[in-house]
Amino acid sequence: MFSWLFGNAKSVEKAVDAVISTGDALFFTEEEKSVASQKILDWKIEYARVTQGQSISRRIIAAGVTAMWMLTGVVALVAAAWGLDDYAEYVMKFLVDVVMQPFSIIVGFYFLAHLVKK
């Protein structure tokens, strides 16, 4: 009688399953948190294993050059937001002419060194 409203039994079953799945997805249980934490820990351990050949000095240099690149970009963004277009243009030119090439070389060397070893 109500088949036009609810369809057949399989479509009702699918709809109920969808509602249950949606309700389950809304809550992050302790078990799910534990599984997610374990996956993150496994990823960190694998990352540490893969990058263990990279020296601490290379990491510091890469972090320093990356910080300089990011800081220069933020300075240009703030200068442009304050209407200092000439200064923002100067900073971007500095970023491209002075910082970009060492940044690319150092970060490329840092991330690609373990690939070349393989």
PDB file of N, CA and C in Angstrom:
ATOM      1  N   MET A   1       0.816  -1.184   0.000  1.00  0.00           N
ATOM      2  CA  MET A   1       0.000   0.000   0.000  1.00  0.00           C
ATOM      3  C   MET A   1       0.869   1.261   0.000  1.00  0.00           C
ATOM      4  N   PHE A   2       1.938   1.263   0.812  1.00  0.00           N
ATOM      5  CA  PHE A   2       2.804   2.427   0.865  1.00  0.00           C
ATOM      6  C   PHE A   2       4.060   2.239   0.034  1.00  0.00           C
ATOM      7  N   SER A   3       4.041   1.346  -0.922  1.00  0.00           N
ATOM      8  CA  SER A   3       5.228   1.069  -1.723  1.00  0.00           C
ATOM      9  C   SER A   3       5.646   2.293  -2.522  1.00  0.00           C
ATOM     10  N   TRP A   4       4.711   3.149  -2.874  1.00  0.00           N
ATOM     11  CA  TRP A   4       5.070   4.370  -3.614  1.00  0.00           C
ATOM     12  C   TRP A   4       5.830   5.337  -2.717  1.00  0.00           C
ATOM     13  N   LEU A   5       5.642   5.239  -1.394  1.00  0.00           N
ATOM     14  CA  LEU A   5       6.306   6.140  -0.459  1.00  0.00           C
ATOM     15  C   LEU A   5       7.655   5.584  -0.013  1.00  0.00           C
ATOM     16  N   PHE A   6       7.717   4.327   0.324  1.00  0.00           N
ATOM     17  CA  PHE A   6       8.931   3.720   0.859  1.00  0.00           C
ATOM     18  C   PHE A   6       9.704   2.882  -0.145  1.00  0.00           C
ATOM     19  N   GLY A   7       9.122   2.536  -1.248  1.00  0.00           N
ATOM     20  CA  GLY A   7       9.775   1.662  -2.219  1.00  0.00           C
ATOM     21  C   GLY A   7       9.722   0.233  -1.729  1.00  0.00           C
ATOM     22  N   ASN A   8      10.649  -0.584  -2.198  1.00  0.00           N
ATOM     23  CA  ASN A   8      10.643  -1.980  -1.776  1.00  0.00           C
ATOM     24  C   ASN A   8      11.452  -2.139  -0.485  1.00  0.00           C
ATOM     25  N   ALA A   9      11.510  -3.336   0.036  1.00  0.00           N
ATOM     26  CA  ALA A   9      12.171  -3.607   1.319  1.00  0.00           C
ATOM     27  C   ALA A   9      13.668  -3.338   1.260  1.00  0.00           C
ATOM     28  N   LYS A  10      14.280  -3.595   0.120  1.00  0.00           N
ATOM     29  CA  LYS A  10      15.724  -3.375  -0.007  1.00  0.00           C
ATOM     30  C   LYS A  10      16.069  -1.890   0.073  1.00  0.00           C
ATOM     31  N   SER A  11      15.246  -1.039  -0.526  1.00  0.00           N
ATOM     32  CA  SER A  11      15.532   0.393  -0.470  1.00  0.00           C
ATOM     33  C   SER A  11      15.333   0.924   0.943  1.00  0.00           C
ATOM     34  N   VAL A  12      14.365   0.403   1.677  1.00  0.00           N
ATOM     35  CA  VAL A  12      14.172   0.798   3.072  1.00  0.00           C
ATOM     36  C   VAL A  12      15.366   0.348   3.898  1.00  0.00           C
ATOM     37  N   GLU A  13      15.861  -0.858   3.651  1.00  0.00           N
ATOM     38  CA  GLU A  13      17.017  -1.384   4.375  1.00  0.00           C
ATOM     39  C   GLU A  13      18.261  -0.528   4.099  1.00  0.00           C
ATOM     40  N   LYS A  14      18.438  -0.131   2.843  1.00  0.00           N
ATOM     41  CA  LYS A  14      19.571   0.720   2.486  1.00  0.00           C
ATOM     42  C   LYS A  14      19.470   2.077   3.183  1.00  0.00           C
ATOM     43  N   ALA A  15      18.273   2.635   3.241  1.00  0.00           N
ATOM     44  CA  ALA A  15      18.075   3.927   3.894  1.00  0.00           C
ATOM     45  C   ALA A  15      18.377   3.838   5.379  1.00  0.00           C
ATOM     46  N   VAL A  16      17.929   2.774   6.025  1.00  0.00           N
ATOM     47  CA  VAL A  16      18.193   2.580   7.453  1.00  0.00           C
ATOM     48  C   VAL A  16      19.689   2.413   7.689  1.00  0.00           C
ATOM     49  N   ASP A  17      20.365   1.632   6.838  1.00  0.00           N
ATOM     50  CA  ASP A  17      21.818   1.457   6.967  1.00  0.00           C
ATOM     51  C   ASP A  17      22.547   2.786   6.804  1.00  0.00           C
ATOM     52  N   ALA A  18      22.088   3.622   5.877  1.00  0.00           N
ATOM     53  CA  ALA A  18      22.711   4.930   5.653  1.00  0.00           C
ATOM     54  C   ALA A  18      22.552   5.825   6.876  1.00  0.00           C
ATOM     55  N   VAL A  19      21.369   5.795   7.491  1.00  0.00           N
ATOM     56  CA  VAL A  19      21.132   6.608   8.689  1.00  0.00           C
ATOM     57  C   VAL A  19      22.011   6.118   9.837  1.00  0.00           C
ATOM     58  N   ILE A  20      22.132   4.825  10.006  1.00  0.00           N
ATOM     59  CA  ILE A  20      22.973   4.256  11.069  1.00  0.00           C
ATOM     60  C   ILE A  20      24.437   4.605  10.829  1.00  0.00           C
ATOM     61  N   SER A  21      24.897   4.480   9.599  1.00  0.00           N
ATOM     62  CA  SER A  21      26.290   4.804   9.269  1.00  0.00           C
ATOM     63  C   SER A  21      26.581   6.276   9.526  1.00  0.00           C
ATOM     64  N   THR A  22      25.642   7.136   9.182  1.00  0.00           N
ATOM     65  CA  THR A  22      25.815   8.570   9.412  1.00  0.00           C
ATOM     66  C   THR A  22      25.885   8.862  10.900  1.00  0.00           C
ATOM     67  N   GLY A  23      25.019   8.247  11.658  1.00  0.00           N
ATOM     68  CA  GLY A  23      25.041   8.438  13.113  1.00  0.00           C
ATOM     69  C   GLY A  23      26.333   7.940  13.724  1.00  0.00           C
ATOM     70  N   ASP A  24      26.840   6.821  13.228  1.00  0.00           N
ATOM     71  CA  ASP A  24      28.094   6.261  13.732  1.00  0.00           C
ATOM     72  C   ASP A  24      29.266   7.169  13.372  1.00  0.00           C
ATOM     73  N   ALA A  25      29.232   7.771  12.202  1.00  0.00           N
ATOM     74  CA  ALA A  25      30.336   8.623  11.753  1.00  0.00           C
ATOM     75  C   ALA A  25      30.402   9.936  12.533  1.00  0.00           C
ATOM     76  N   LEU A  26      29.307  10.330  13.157  1.00  0.00           N
ATOM     77  CA  LEU A  26      29.286  11.587  13.907  1.00  0.00           C
ATOM     78  C   LEU A  26      30.061  11.507  15.217  1.00  0.00           C
ATOM     79  N   PHE A  27      30.271  10.337  15.740  1.00  0.00           N
ATOM     80  CA  PHE A  27      30.928  10.178  17.033  1.00  0.00           C
ATOM     81  C   PHE A  27      32.251   9.443  16.854  1.00  0.00           C
ATOM     82  N   PHE A  28      33.308   9.974  17.467  1.00  0.00           N
ATOM     83  CA  PHE A  28      34.656   9.405  17.401  1.00  0.00           C
ATOM     84  C   PHE A  28      34.885   8.672  18.719  1.00  0.00           C
ATOM     85  N   THR A  29      34.704   7.362  18.720  1.00  0.00           N
ATOM     86  CA  THR A  29      34.789   6.583  19.949  1.00  0.00           C
ATOM     87  C   THR A  29      36.240   6.440  20.408  1.00  0.00           C
ATOM     88  N   GLU A  30      36.406   5.981  21.627  1.00  0.00           N
ATOM     89  CA  GLU A  30      37.750   5.771  22.178  1.00  0.00           C
ATOM     90  C   GLU A  30      38.520   4.736  21.362  1.00  0.00           C
ATOM     91  N   GLU A  31      37.826   3.700  20.909  1.00  0.00           N
ATOM     92  CA  GLU A  31      38.474   2.670  20.095  1.00  0.00           C
ATOM     93  C   GLU A  31      38.967   3.255  18.776  1.00  0.00           C
ATOM     94  N   GLU A  32      38.134   4.096  18.143  1.00  0.00           N
ATOM     95  CA  GLU A  32      38.538   4.739  16.898  1.00  0.00           C
ATOM     96  C   GLU A  32      39.701   5.704  17.134  1.00  0.00           C
ATOM     97  N   LYS A  33      39.686   6.403  18.263  1.00  0.00           N
ATOM     98  CA  LYS A  33      40.798   7.294  18.608  1.00  0.00           C
ATOM     99  C   LYS A  33      42.085   6.497  18.780  1.00  0.00           C
ATOM    100  N   SER A  34      41.977   5.342  19.422  1.00  0.00           N
ATOM    101  CA  SER A  34      43.144   4.488  19.634  1.00  0.00           C
ATOM    102  C   SER A  34      43.711   3.994  18.309  1.00  0.00           C
ATOM    103  N   VAL A  35      42.829   3.580  17.413  1.00  0.00           N
ATOM    104  CA  VAL A  35      43.276   3.101  16.098  1.00  0.00           C
ATOM    105  C   VAL A  35      43.927   4.236  15.312  1.00  0.00           C
ATOM    106  N   ALA A  36      43.329   5.417  15.358  1.00  0.00           N
ATOM    107  CA  ALA A  36      43.898   6.570  14.647  1.00  0.00           C
ATOM    108  C   ALA A  36      45.250   6.949  15.233  1.00  0.00           C
ATOM    109  N   SER A  37      45.371   6.930  16.554  1.00  0.00           N
ATOM    110  CA  SER A  37      46.641   7.246  17.194  1.00  0.00           C
ATOM    111  C   SER A  37      47.713   6.238  16.824  1.00  0.00           C
ATOM    112  N   GLN A  38      47.350   4.972  16.736  1.00  0.00           N
ATOM    113  CA  GLN A  38      48.306   3.931  16.352  1.00  0.00           C
ATOM    114  C   GLN A  38      48.778   4.131  14.917  1.00  0.00           C
ATOM    115  N   LYS A  39      47.861   4.507  14.023  1.00  0.00           N
ATOM    116  CA  LYS A  39      48.240   4.755  12.632  1.00  0.00           C
ATOM    117  C   LYS A  39      49.194   5.940  12.540  1.00  0.00           C
ATOM    118  N   ILE A  40      48.933   6.988  13.307  1.00  0.00           N
ATOM    119  CA  ILE A  40      49.818   8.157  13.310  1.00  0.00           C
ATOM    120  C   ILE A  40      51.186   7.776  13.858  1.00  0.00           C
ATOM    121  N   LEU A  41      51.212   7.010  14.932  1.00  0.00           N
ATOM    122  CA  LEU A  41      52.477   6.565  15.505  1.00  0.00           C
ATOM    123  C   LEU A  41      53.251   5.698  14.521  1.00  0.00           C
ATOM    124  N   ASP A  42      52.562   4.791  13.831  1.00  0.00           N
ATOM    125  CA  ASP A  42      53.219   3.957  12.812  1.00  0.00           C
ATOM    126  C   ASP A  42      53.811   4.815  11.707  1.00  0.00           C
ATOM    127  N   TRP A  43      53.075   5.868  11.288  1.00  0.00           N
ATOM    128  CA  TRP A  43      53.582   6.757  10.250  1.00  0.00           C
ATOM    129  C   TRP A  43      54.826   7.498  10.739  1.00  0.00           C
ATOM    130  N   LYS A  44      54.808   7.994  11.975  1.00  0.00           N
ATOM    131  CA  LYS A  44      55.970   8.703  12.520  1.00  0.00           C
ATOM    132  C   LYS A  44      57.185   7.790  12.619  1.00  0.00           C
ATOM    133  N   ILE A  45      56.973   6.559  13.035  1.00  0.00           N
ATOM    134  CA  ILE A  45      58.082   5.605  13.135  1.00  0.00           C
ATOM    135  C   ILE A  45      58.646   5.308  11.751  1.00  0.00           C
ATOM    136  N   GLU A  46      57.781   5.118  10.770  1.00  0.00           N
ATOM    137  CA  GLU A  46      58.232   4.858   9.398  1.00  0.00           C
ATOM    138  C   GLU A  46      58.981   6.073   8.848  1.00  0.00           C
ATOM    139  N   TYR A  47      58.478   7.274   9.116  1.00  0.00           N
ATOM    140  CA  TYR A  47      59.155   8.493   8.653  1.00  0.00           C
ATOM    141  C   TYR A  47      60.534   8.621   9.296  1.00  0.00           C
ATOM    142  N   ALA A  48      60.618   8.341  10.595  1.00  0.00           N
ATOM    143  CA  ALA A  48      61.914   8.402  11.279  1.00  0.00           C
ATOM    144  C   ALA A  48      62.874   7.355  10.707  1.00  0.00           C
ATOM    145  N   ARG A  49      62.372   6.173  10.384  1.00  0.00           N
ATOM    146  CA  ARG A  49      63.220   5.136   9.811  1.00  0.00           C
ATOM    147  C   ARG A  49      63.742   5.549   8.441  1.00  0.00           C
ATOM    148  N   VAL A  50      62.881   6.117   7.629  1.00  0.00           N
ATOM    149  CA  VAL A  50      63.271   6.511   6.276  1.00  0.00           C
ATOM    150  C   VAL A  50      64.249   7.680   6.296  1.00  0.00           C
ATOM    151  N   THR A  51      64.066   8.610   7.217  1.00  0.00           N
ATOM    152  CA  THR A  51      64.894   9.817   7.234  1.00  0.00           C
ATOM    153  C   THR A  51      66.054   9.743   8.224  1.00  0.00           C
ATOM    154  N   GLN A  52      66.340   8.587   8.778  1.00  0.00           N
ATOM    155  CA  GLN A  52      67.393   8.504   9.787  1.00  0.00           C
ATOM    156  C   GLN A  52      68.771   8.819   9.222  1.00  0.00           C
ATOM    157  N   GLY A  53      68.978   8.669   7.925  1.00  0.00           N
ATOM    158  CA  GLY A  53      70.266   8.978   7.323  1.00  0.00           C
ATOM    159  C   GLY A  53      70.497  10.460   7.129  1.00  0.00           C
ATOM    160  N   GLN A  54      69.468  11.265   7.300  1.00  0.00           N
ATOM    161  CA  GLN A  54      69.615  12.699   7.110  1.00  0.00           C
ATOM    162  C   GLN A  54      70.222  13.316   8.355  1.00  0.00           C
ATOM    163  N   SER A  55      71.262  14.083   8.161  1.00  0.00           N
ATOM    164  CA  SER A  55      71.973  14.648   9.304  1.00  0.00           C
ATOM    165  C   SER A  55      71.181  15.796   9.918  1.00  0.00           C
ATOM    166  N   ILE A  56      71.477  16.060  11.175  1.00  0.00           N
ATOM    167  CA  ILE A  56      70.801  17.132  11.902  1.00  0.00           C
ATOM    168  C   ILE A  56      71.159  18.492  11.318  1.00  0.00           C
ATOM    169  N   SER A  57      72.379  18.624  10.813  1.00  0.00           N
ATOM    170  CA  SER A  57      72.771  19.923  10.234  1.00  0.00           C
ATOM    171  C   SER A  57      71.958  20.224   8.980  1.00  0.00           C
ATOM    172  N   ARG A  58      71.694  19.207   8.156  1.00  0.00           N
ATOM    173  CA  ARG A  58      70.854  19.429   6.976  1.00  0.00           C
ATOM    174  C   ARG A  58      69.450  19.818   7.387  1.00  0.00           C
ATOM    175  N   ARG A  59      68.938  19.232   8.440  1.00  0.00           N
ATOM    176  CA  ARG A  59      67.603  19.576   8.912  1.00  0.00           C
ATOM    177  C   ARG A  59      67.555  21.016   9.390  1.00  0.00           C
ATOM    178  N   ILE A  60      68.572  21.442  10.121  1.00  0.00           N
ATOM    179  CA  ILE A  60      68.608  22.819  10.634  1.00  0.00           C
ATOM    180  C   ILE A  60      68.716  23.807   9.482  1.00  0.00           C
ATOM    181  N   ILE A  61      69.572  23.528   8.512  1.00  0.00           N
ATOM    182  CA  ILE A  61      69.712  24.412   7.355  1.00  0.00           C
ATOM    183  C   ILE A  61      68.400  24.488   6.584  1.00  0.00           C
ATOM    184  N   ALA A  62      67.770  23.348   6.355  1.00  0.00           N
ATOM    185  CA  ALA A  62      66.496  23.336   5.625  1.00  0.00           C
ATOM    186  C   ALA A  62      65.426  24.107   6.389  1.00  0.00           C
ATOM    187  N   ALA A  63      65.365  23.939   7.703  1.00  0.00           N
ATOM    188  CA  ALA A  63      64.376  24.656   8.504  1.00  0.00           C
ATOM    189  C   ALA A  63      64.658  26.157   8.482  1.00  0.00           C
ATOM    190  N   GLY A  64      65.925  26.550   8.570  1.00  0.00           N
ATOM    191  CA  GLY A  64      66.276  27.968   8.560  1.00  0.00           C
ATOM    192  C   GLY A  64      65.937  28.638   7.238  1.00  0.00           C
ATOM    193  N   VAL A  65      66.281  27.998   6.135  1.00  0.00           N
ATOM    194  CA  VAL A  65      65.994  28.573   4.822  1.00  0.00           C
ATOM    195  C   VAL A  65      64.482  28.612   4.578  1.00  0.00           C
ATOM    196  N   THR A  66      63.772  27.586   5.009  1.00  0.00           N
ATOM    197  CA  THR A  66      62.315  27.578   4.872  1.00  0.00           C
ATOM    198  C   THR A  66      61.686  28.688   5.697  1.00  0.00           C
ATOM    199  N   ALA A  67      62.183  28.894   6.922  1.00  0.00           N
ATOM    200  CA  ALA A  67      61.665  29.968   7.764  1.00  0.00           C
ATOM    201  C   ALA A  67      61.919  31.332   7.121  1.00  0.00           C
ATOM    202  N   MET A  68      63.104  31.527   6.539  1.00  0.00           N
ATOM    203  CA  MET A  68      63.410  32.786   5.880  1.00  0.00           C
ATOM    204  C   MET A  68      62.480  33.006   4.685  1.00  0.00           C
ATOM    205  N   TRP A  69      62.244  31.972   3.921  1.00  0.00           N
ATOM    206  CA  TRP A  69      61.355  32.071   2.762  1.00  0.00           C
ATOM    207  C   TRP A  69      59.938  32.433   3.212  1.00  0.00           C
ATOM    208  N   MET A  70      59.456  31.751   4.245  1.00  0.00           N
ATOM    209  CA  MET A  70      58.103  32.023   4.738  1.00  0.00           C
ATOM    210  C   MET A  70      57.996  33.428   5.327  1.00  0.00           C
ATOM    211  N   LEU A  71      58.993  33.842   6.093  1.00  0.00           N
ATOM    212  CA  LEU A  71      58.978  35.169   6.699  1.00  0.00           C
ATOM    213  C   LEU A  71      58.979  36.258   5.624  1.00  0.00           C
ATOM    214  N   THR A  72      59.776  36.086   4.603  1.00  0.00           N
ATOM    215  CA  THR A  72      59.823  37.048   3.517  1.00  0.00           C
ATOM    216  C   THR A  72      58.469  37.132   2.811  1.00  0.00           C
ATOM    217  N   GLY A  73      57.844  36.003   2.599  1.00  0.00           N
ATOM    218  CA  GLY A  73      56.513  35.992   1.986  1.00  0.00           C
ATOM    219  C   GLY A  73      55.475  36.689   2.843  1.00  0.00           C
ATOM    220  N   VAL A  74      55.536  36.475   4.161  1.00  0.00           N
ATOM    221  CA  VAL A  74      54.587  37.127   5.076  1.00  0.00           C
ATOM    222  C   VAL A  74      54.830  38.633   5.094  1.00  0.00           C
ATOM    223  N   VAL A  75      56.091  39.052   5.083  1.00  0.00           N
ATOM    224  CA  VAL A  75      56.402  40.484   5.052  1.00  0.00           C
ATOM    225  C   VAL A  75      55.831  41.116   3.790  1.00  0.00           C
ATOM    226  N   ALA A  76      55.978  40.460   2.654  1.00  0.00           N
ATOM    227  CA  ALA A  76      55.425  40.984   1.404  1.00  0.00           C
ATOM    228  C   ALA A  76      53.903  41.057   1.471  1.00  0.00           C
ATOM    229  N   LEU A  77      53.274  40.050   2.049  1.00  0.00           N
ATOM    230  CA  LEU A  77      51.816  40.034   2.173  1.00  0.00           C
ATOM    231  C   LEU A  77      51.328  41.166   3.065  1.00  0.00           C
ATOM    232  N   VAL A  78      51.989  41.369   4.199  1.00  0.00           N
ATOM    233  CA  VAL A  78      51.599  42.437   5.129  1.00  0.00           C
ATOM    234  C   VAL A  78      51.820  43.800   4.480  1.00  0.00           C
ATOM    235  N   ALA A  79      52.947  43.967   3.789  1.00  0.00           N
ATOM    236  CA  ALA A  79      53.222  45.245   3.118  1.00  0.00           C
ATOM    237  C   ALA A  79      52.159  45.540   2.064  1.00  0.00           C
ATOM    238  N   ALA A  80      51.756  44.527   1.317  1.00  0.00           N
ATOM    239  CA  ALA A  80      50.713  44.737   0.309  1.00  0.00           C
ATOM    240  C   ALA A  80      49.374  45.060   0.963  1.00  0.00           C
ATOM    241  N   ALA A  81      49.095  44.431   2.097  1.00  0.00           N
ATOM    242  CA  ALA A  81      47.837  44.687   2.798  1.00  0.00           C
ATOM    243  C   ALA A  81      47.800  46.106   3.362  1.00  0.00           C
ATOM    244  N   TRP A  82      48.935  46.633   3.751  1.00  0.00           N
ATOM    245  CA  TRP A  82      49.005  47.996   4.295  1.00  0.00           C
ATOM    246  C   TRP A  82      49.125  49.051   3.206  1.00  0.00           C
ATOM    247  N   GLY A  83      49.119  48.635   1.958  1.00  0.00           N
ATOM    248  CA  GLY A  83      49.186  49.581   0.862  1.00  0.00           C
ATOM    249  C   GLY A  83      50.587  50.002   0.473  1.00  0.00           C
ATOM    250  N   LEU A  84      51.586  49.326   0.982  1.00  0.00           N
ATOM    251  CA  LEU A  84      52.975  49.634   0.638  1.00  0.00           C
ATOM    252  C   LEU A  84      53.380  48.800  -0.571  1.00  0.00           C
ATOM    253  N   ASP A  85      52.780  49.109  -1.691  1.00  0.00           N
ATOM    254  CA  ASP A  85      52.962  48.288  -2.891  1.00  0.00           C
ATOM    255  C   ASP A  85      54.404  48.270  -3.392  1.00  0.00           C
ATOM    256  N   ASP A  86      55.090  49.428  -3.318  1.00  0.00           N
ATOM    257  CA  ASP A  86      56.485  49.464  -3.771  1.00  0.00           C
ATOM    258  C   ASP A  86      57.358  48.556  -2.903  1.00  0.00           C
ATOM    259  N   TYR A  87      57.136  48.606  -1.596  1.00  0.00           N
ATOM    260  CA  TYR A  87      57.927  47.770  -0.683  1.00  0.00           C
ATOM    261  C   TYR A  87      57.579  46.293  -0.887  1.00  0.00           C
ATOM    262  N   ALA A  88      56.299  45.985  -1.049  1.00  0.00           N
ATOM    263  CA  ALA A  88      55.883  44.594  -1.282  1.00  0.00           C
ATOM    264  C   ALA A  88      56.507  44.060  -2.570  1.00  0.00           C
ATOM    265  N   GLU A  89      56.560  44.898  -3.595  1.00  0.00           N
ATOM    266  CA  GLU A  89      57.190  44.486  -4.850  1.00  0.00           C
ATOM    267  C   GLU A  89      58.688  44.255  -4.656  1.00  0.00           C
ATOM    268  N   TYR A  90      59.335  45.125  -3.884  1.00  0.00           N
ATOM    269  CA  TYR A  90      60.764  44.965  -3.595  1.00  0.00           C
ATOM    270  C   TYR A  90      61.022  43.656  -2.837  1.00  0.00           C
ATOM    271  N   VAL A  91      60.190  43.377  -1.851  1.00  0.00           N
ATOM    272  CA  VAL A  91      60.359  42.151  -1.058  1.00  0.00           C
ATOM    273  C   VAL A  91      60.150  40.920  -1.922  1.00  0.00           C
ATOM    274  N   MET A  92      59.158  40.943  -2.793  1.00  0.00           N
ATOM    275  CA  MET A  92      58.929  39.801  -3.679  1.00  0.00           C
ATOM    276  C   MET A  92      60.084  39.626  -4.661  1.00  0.00           C
ATOM    277  N   LYS A  93      60.638  40.730  -5.143  1.00  0.00           N
ATOM    278  CA  LYS A  93      61.797  40.639  -6.028  1.00  0.00           C
ATOM    279  C   LYS A  93      62.979  40.039  -5.274  1.00  0.00           C
ATOM    280  N   PHE A  94      63.169  40.451  -4.022  1.00  0.00           N
ATOM    281  CA  PHE A  94      64.218  39.876  -3.186  1.00  0.00           C
ATOM    282  C   PHE A  94      63.985  38.380  -2.992  1.00  0.00           C
ATOM    283  N   LEU A  95      62.741  38.013  -2.740  1.00  0.00           N
ATOM    284  CA  LEU A  95      62.397  36.607  -2.531  1.00  0.00           C
ATOM    285  C   LEU A  95      62.742  35.782  -3.776  1.00  0.00           C
ATOM    286  N   VAL A  96      62.391  36.270  -4.927  1.00  0.00           N
ATOM    287  CA  VAL A  96      62.630  35.524  -6.169  1.00  0.00           C
ATOM    288  C   VAL A  96      64.110  35.529  -6.534  1.00  0.00           C
ATOM    289  N   ASP A  97      64.770  36.694  -6.435  1.00  0.00           N
ATOM    290  CA  ASP A  97      66.154  36.811  -6.895  1.00  0.00           C
ATOM    291  C   ASP A  97      67.177  36.236  -5.922  1.00  0.00           C
ATOM    292  N   VAL A  98      66.945  36.396  -4.620  1.00  0.00           N
ATOM    293  CA  VAL A  98      67.970  36.036  -3.634  1.00  0.00           C
ATOM    294  C   VAL A  98      67.639  34.750  -2.889  1.00  0.00           C
ATOM    295  N   VAL A  99      66.403  34.584  -2.481  1.00  0.00           N
ATOM    296  CA  VAL A  99      66.050  33.482  -1.582  1.00  0.00           C
ATOM    297  C   VAL A  99      65.617  32.228  -2.333  1.00  0.00           C
ATOM    298  N   MET A 100      64.954  32.376  -3.459  1.00  0.00           N
ATOM    299  CA  MET A 100      64.322  31.226  -4.124  1.00  0.00           C
ATOM    300  C   MET A 100      65.324  30.163  -4.564  1.00  0.00           C
ATOM    301  N   GLN A 101      66.433  30.551  -5.167  1.00  0.00           N
ATOM    302  CA  GLN A 101      67.371  29.541  -5.662  1.00  0.00           C
ATOM    303  C   GLN A 101      68.008  28.740  -4.524  1.00  0.00           C
ATOM    304  N   PRO A 102      68.557  29.383  -3.464  1.00  0.00           N
ATOM    305  CA  PRO A 102      69.083  28.562  -2.363  1.00  0.00           C
ATOM    306  C   PRO A 102      68.003  27.722  -1.686  1.00  0.00           C
ATOM    307  N   PHE A 103      66.814  28.290  -1.563  1.00  0.00           N
ATOM    308  CA  PHE A 103      65.704  27.551  -0.973  1.00  0.00           C
ATOM    309  C   PHE A 103      65.427  26.287  -1.776  1.00  0.00           C
ATOM    310  N   SER A 104      65.317  26.427  -3.082  1.00  0.00           N
ATOM    311  CA  SER A 104      65.027  25.275  -3.947  1.00  0.00           C
ATOM    312  C   SER A 104      66.131  24.230  -3.878  1.00  0.00           C
ATOM    313  N   ILE A 105      67.378  24.672  -3.899  1.00  0.00           N
ATOM    314  CA  ILE A 105      68.498  23.737  -3.856  1.00  0.00           C
ATOM    315  C   ILE A 105      68.547  23.002  -2.525  1.00  0.00           C
ATOM    316  N   ILE A 106      68.466  23.741  -1.431  1.00  0.00           N
ATOM    317  CA  ILE A 106      68.591  23.128  -0.106  1.00  0.00           C
ATOM    318  C   ILE A 106      67.418  22.201   0.189  1.00  0.00           C
ATOM    319  N   VAL A 107      66.214  22.661  -0.064  1.00  0.00           N
ATOM    320  CA  VAL A 107      65.046  21.818   0.216  1.00  0.00           C
ATOM    321  C   VAL A 107      65.022  20.615  -0.725  1.00  0.00           C
ATOM    322  N   GLY A 108      65.389  20.831  -1.982  1.00  0.00           N
ATOM    323  CA  GLY A 108      65.469  19.694  -2.904  1.00  0.00           C
ATOM    324  C   GLY A 108      66.508  18.690  -2.458  1.00  0.00           C
ATOM    325  N   PHE A 109      67.670  19.181  -2.039  1.00  0.00           N
ATOM    326  CA  PHE A 109      68.725  18.291  -1.546  1.00  0.00           C
ATOM    327  C   PHE A 109      68.260  17.547  -0.291  1.00  0.00           C
ATOM    328  N   TYR A 110      67.569  18.256   0.582  1.00  0.00           N
ATOM    329  CA  TYR A 110      67.093  17.657   1.834  1.00  0.00           C
ATOM    330  C   TYR A 110      66.091  16.540   1.561  1.00  0.00           C
ATOM    331  N   PHE A 111      65.118  16.798   0.696  1.00  0.00           N
ATOM    332  CA  PHE A 111      64.068  15.820   0.476  1.00  0.00           C
ATOM    333  C   PHE A 111      64.436  14.753  -0.552  1.00  0.00           C
ATOM    334  N   LEU A 112      65.314  15.068  -1.489  1.00  0.00           N
ATOM    335  CA  LEU A 112      65.621  14.109  -2.548  1.00  0.00           C
ATOM    336  C   LEU A 112      66.831  13.245  -2.256  1.00  0.00           C
ATOM    337  N   ALA A 113      67.570  13.545  -1.207  1.00  0.00           N
ATOM    338  CA  ALA A 113      68.799  12.798  -0.919  1.00  0.00           C
ATOM    339  C   ALA A 113      68.507  11.323  -0.668  1.00  0.00           C
ATOM    340  N   HIS A 114      67.470  11.030   0.088  1.00  0.00           N
ATOM    341  CA  HIS A 114      67.178   9.618   0.380  1.00  0.00           C
ATOM    342  C   HIS A 114      66.641   8.885  -0.848  1.00  0.00           C
ATOM    343  N   LEU A 115      66.032   9.608  -1.793  1.00  0.00           N
ATOM    344  CA  LEU A 115      65.575   8.966  -3.026  1.00  0.00           C
ATOM    345  C   LEU A 115      66.748   8.593  -3.917  1.00  0.00           C
ATOM    346  N   VAL A 116      67.752   9.475  -3.942  1.00  0.00           N
ATOM    347  CA  VAL A 116      68.928   9.208  -4.768  1.00  0.00           C
ATOM    348  C   VAL A 116      69.702   8.013  -4.220  1.00  0.00           C
ATOM    349  N   LYS A 117      69.749   7.883  -2.902  1.00  0.00           N
ATOM    350  CA  LYS A 117      70.468   6.759  -2.283  1.00  0.00           C
ATOM    351  C   LYS A 117      69.872   5.418  -2.692  1.00  0.00           C
ATOM    352  N   LYS A 118      68.566   5.392  -2.873  1.00  0.00           N
ATOM    353  CA  LYS A 118      67.900   4.134  -3.242  1.00  0.00           C
ATOM    354  C   LYS A 118      68.191   3.816  -4.685  1.00  0.00           C
TER     355      LYS A 118
END
